């Protein structure tokens, strides 16, 4: 059993970090939130976890840092990962018609300037970046968009409306591989 717990779903930056650390054959356990990610390791459902702990734009990512301190789990490896956010919509979405954008709260913070410049687009907090992309595609409402990775857009069949929308073109997030 070499499952790796991540917060989020396939297409997320956590999955990308997992693949870079452990290889493309890593078995992913998708978790709803950071608490479930840590719990999966602590109870032995997963051998490891990969969690984001710091981002160039927003700084420390507090929830996984706090859980790491409380858990007693160890940091096994660190990986800085380039993060290139895209704005993704349904196949028939047009940027000018957008009403809302969904993503993880940290991704929304990383794209603050883009969102402020397009203040007509309402921000909606989603569980994670990749599931936000999947959700807007599944719902099929062309006025709804999501912020996520290019891979998530390709994986779930979204149309990329804008690229590199983070406040810093050289955006990165540091991920930890953690375990008992």
Protein backbone atom coordinates (compact mmCIF):
# COMPACT_ATOMS: atom_id res chain seq x y z
CA UNK A 1 0.00 0.00 0.00
CA UNK A 2 1.74 3.11 -1.25
CA UNK A 3 -1.19 5.49 -1.47
CA UNK A 4 -0.43 9.20 -1.39
CA UNK A 5 -3.12 11.43 0.16
CA UNK A 6 -3.67 14.86 -1.40
CA UNK A 7 -6.17 17.61 -0.76
CA UNK A 8 -8.12 17.80 -3.98
CA UNK A 9 -8.54 15.72 -7.10
CA UNK A 10 -6.59 14.70 -10.17
CA UNK A 11 -5.45 17.75 -12.10
CA UNK A 12 -4.61 19.65 -8.92
CA UNK A 13 -1.23 21.15 -8.21
CA UNK A 14 -0.93 18.68 -5.30
CA UNK A 15 -1.22 15.81 -7.76
CA UNK A 16 1.38 17.44 -10.01
CA UNK A 17 3.74 17.80 -7.03
CA UNK A 18 3.13 14.15 -6.09
CA UNK A 19 4.07 13.00 -9.59
CA UNK A 20 7.23 15.14 -9.57
CA UNK A 21 8.27 13.72 -6.18
CA UNK A 22 7.20 10.06 -6.48
CA UNK A 23 6.78 9.48 -10.21
CA UNK A 24 3.82 9.04 -12.53
CA UNK A 25 2.90 5.66 -11.05
CA UNK A 26 2.12 7.15 -7.63
CA UNK A 27 -1.29 6.02 -6.40
CA UNK A 28 -3.38 9.05 -5.42
CA UNK A 29 -5.97 9.16 -2.64
CA UNK A 30 -8.15 12.21 -3.27
CA UNK A 31 -9.18 13.94 -0.02
CA UNK A 32 -11.88 16.55 0.50
CA UNK A 33 -9.78 18.83 2.69
CA UNK A 34 -6.45 19.10 4.50
CA UNK A 35 -7.84 17.47 7.66
CA UNK A 36 -8.84 14.37 5.69
CA UNK A 37 -5.41 14.31 4.05
CA UNK A 38 -3.61 14.24 7.39
CA UNK A 39 -6.10 11.77 8.86
CA UNK A 40 -5.54 9.33 5.98
CA UNK A 41 -1.83 9.19 6.83
CA UNK A 42 -2.34 9.03 10.59
CA UNK A 43 -4.78 6.10 10.43
CA UNK A 44 -2.73 4.26 7.81
CA UNK A 45 -5.06 4.55 4.82
CA UNK A 46 -2.26 6.36 2.98
CA UNK A 47 1.48 5.92 3.42
CA UNK A 48 2.32 9.55 2.56
CA UNK A 49 0.73 12.89 1.88
CA UNK A 50 1.66 15.84 -0.30
CA UNK A 51 0.54 19.25 0.96
CA UNK A 52 1.21 22.87 -0.02
CA UNK A 53 2.83 24.95 2.72
CA UNK A 54 3.94 28.22 1.14
CA UNK A 55 3.23 30.27 -1.96
CA UNK A 56 5.34 33.07 -3.41
CA UNK A 57 2.38 35.46 -3.63
CA UNK A 58 0.31 34.72 -0.51
CA UNK A 59 3.01 33.39 1.83
CA UNK A 60 2.41 30.62 4.36
CA UNK A 61 -0.58 28.34 3.84
CA UNK A 62 -1.73 28.11 7.43
CA UNK A 63 -4.04 25.08 7.62
CA UNK A 64 -1.54 22.42 6.47
CA UNK A 65 1.22 24.08 8.53
CA UNK A 66 -0.90 23.96 11.68
CA UNK A 67 -1.94 20.36 11.02
CA UNK A 68 1.68 19.37 10.46
CA UNK A 69 2.70 20.83 13.84
CA UNK A 70 -0.11 19.00 15.64
CA UNK A 71 0.21 15.69 13.81
CA UNK A 72 3.72 14.54 14.60
CA UNK A 73 4.16 13.58 10.94
CA UNK A 74 7.59 14.20 9.42
CA UNK A 75 8.64 16.21 6.38
CA UNK A 76 10.31 13.72 4.04
CA UNK A 77 10.93 15.97 1.05
CA UNK A 78 10.32 19.54 -0.15
CA UNK A 79 9.42 20.58 -3.69
CA UNK A 80 9.00 24.10 -5.08
CA UNK A 81 6.50 23.81 -7.96
CA UNK A 82 5.83 26.43 -10.61
CA UNK A 83 2.15 27.38 -10.54
CA UNK A 84 0.64 28.71 -13.77
CA UNK A 85 -3.02 29.51 -13.17
CA UNK A 86 -5.40 29.57 -16.12
CA UNK A 87 -8.96 30.82 -16.33
CA UNK A 88 -11.05 27.96 -17.69
CA UNK A 89 -14.63 27.86 -18.89
CA UNK A 90 -16.98 25.51 -20.65
CA UNK A 91 -16.54 24.79 -24.35
CA UNK A 92 -18.90 27.62 -25.27
CA UNK A 93 -17.73 30.18 -22.67
CA UNK A 94 -16.58 33.62 -23.74
CA UNK A 95 -14.54 35.79 -21.40
CA UNK A 96 -16.75 38.84 -21.92
CA UNK A 97 -19.85 36.91 -20.75
CA UNK A 98 -18.44 35.56 -17.47
CA UNK A 99 -20.38 36.17 -14.28
CA UNK A 100 -18.51 34.01 -11.74
CA UNK A 101 -15.18 32.30 -11.16
CA UNK A 102 -14.69 29.35 -8.78
CA UNK A 103 -11.46 28.12 -7.21
CA UNK A 104 -9.66 27.28 -3.98
CA UNK A 105 -9.39 30.31 -1.71
CA UNK A 106 -5.57 30.38 -2.03
CA UNK A 107 -5.75 30.42 -5.85
CA UNK A 108 -8.27 33.26 -5.74
CA UNK A 109 -5.85 35.21 -3.53
CA UNK A 110 -2.98 34.52 -5.96
CA UNK A 111 -5.02 36.05 -8.80
CA UNK A 112 -6.21 39.12 -6.88
CA UNK A 113 -5.03 41.69 -9.47
CA UNK A 114 -6.65 39.87 -12.38
CA UNK A 115 -9.91 39.51 -10.45
CA UNK A 116 -9.85 43.15 -9.30
CA UNK A 117 -9.35 44.29 -12.90
CA UNK A 118 -12.40 42.20 -13.83
CA UNK A 119 -14.59 43.09 -10.85
CA UNK A 120 -17.80 42.11 -12.65
CA UNK A 121 -16.77 38.46 -12.12
CA UNK A 122 -17.97 37.22 -8.72
CA UNK A 123 -15.50 35.04 -6.77
CA UNK A 124 -16.80 31.69 -5.51
CA UNK A 125 -14.72 29.57 -3.12
CA UNK A 126 -14.38 25.97 -4.25
CA UNK A 127 -12.88 22.90 -2.59
CA UNK A 128 -9.75 23.00 -4.75
CA UNK A 129 -8.59 24.21 -8.15
CA UNK A 130 -9.07 21.00 -10.14
CA UNK A 131 -12.50 20.12 -8.75
CA UNK A 132 -13.57 23.70 -9.48
CA UNK A 133 -12.61 23.22 -13.14
CA UNK A 134 -14.38 19.84 -13.21
CA UNK A 135 -17.50 21.32 -11.62
CA UNK A 136 -17.92 24.20 -14.07
CA UNK A 137 -17.52 21.78 -16.99
CA UNK A 138 -20.01 19.31 -15.45
CA UNK A 139 -22.55 22.08 -14.80
CA UNK A 140 -22.12 23.40 -18.35
CA UNK A 141 -23.05 27.01 -17.59
CA UNK A 142 -20.99 29.16 -20.01
CA UNK A 143 -21.04 32.23 -17.71
CA UNK A 144 -19.17 30.32 -14.96
CA UNK A 145 -15.40 29.86 -15.01
CA UNK A 146 -12.73 28.39 -12.75
CA UNK A 147 -9.10 29.01 -11.90
CA UNK A 148 -6.85 25.98 -12.07
CA UNK A 149 -4.01 24.33 -13.91
CA UNK A 150 -3.69 23.80 -17.65
CA UNK A 151 -3.66 20.06 -16.89
CA UNK A 152 -7.00 20.26 -15.05
CA UNK A 153 -8.52 22.14 -17.99
CA UNK A 154 -7.27 19.51 -20.42
CA UNK A 155 -8.26 16.60 -18.15
CA UNK A 156 -11.84 17.80 -17.66
CA UNK A 157 -12.42 19.27 -21.13
CA UNK A 158 -12.47 22.96 -20.21
CA UNK A 159 -11.71 25.81 -22.59
CA UNK A 160 -8.80 28.02 -21.54
CA UNK A 161 -9.95 31.64 -21.65
CA UNK A 162 -6.85 33.33 -20.16
CA UNK A 163 -3.38 32.09 -19.20
CA UNK A 164 -0.91 33.08 -16.48
CA UNK A 165 -3.42 35.11 -14.47
CA UNK A 166 -1.58 35.03 -11.12
CA UNK A 167 -0.23 38.29 -9.71
CA UNK A 168 3.34 37.12 -10.37
CA UNK A 169 4.33 35.32 -13.58
CA UNK A 170 7.01 33.52 -11.57
CA UNK A 171 4.46 32.06 -9.12
CA UNK A 172 5.43 28.92 -7.19
CA UNK A 173 4.19 26.86 -4.27
CA UNK A 174 6.35 24.72 -1.98
CA UNK A 175 4.92 21.28 -1.28
CA UNK A 176 5.98 18.82 1.41
CA UNK A 177 5.96 15.06 1.13
CA UNK A 178 4.95 14.00 4.64
CA UNK A 179 4.74 10.66 6.42
CA UNK A 180 4.96 8.91 9.78
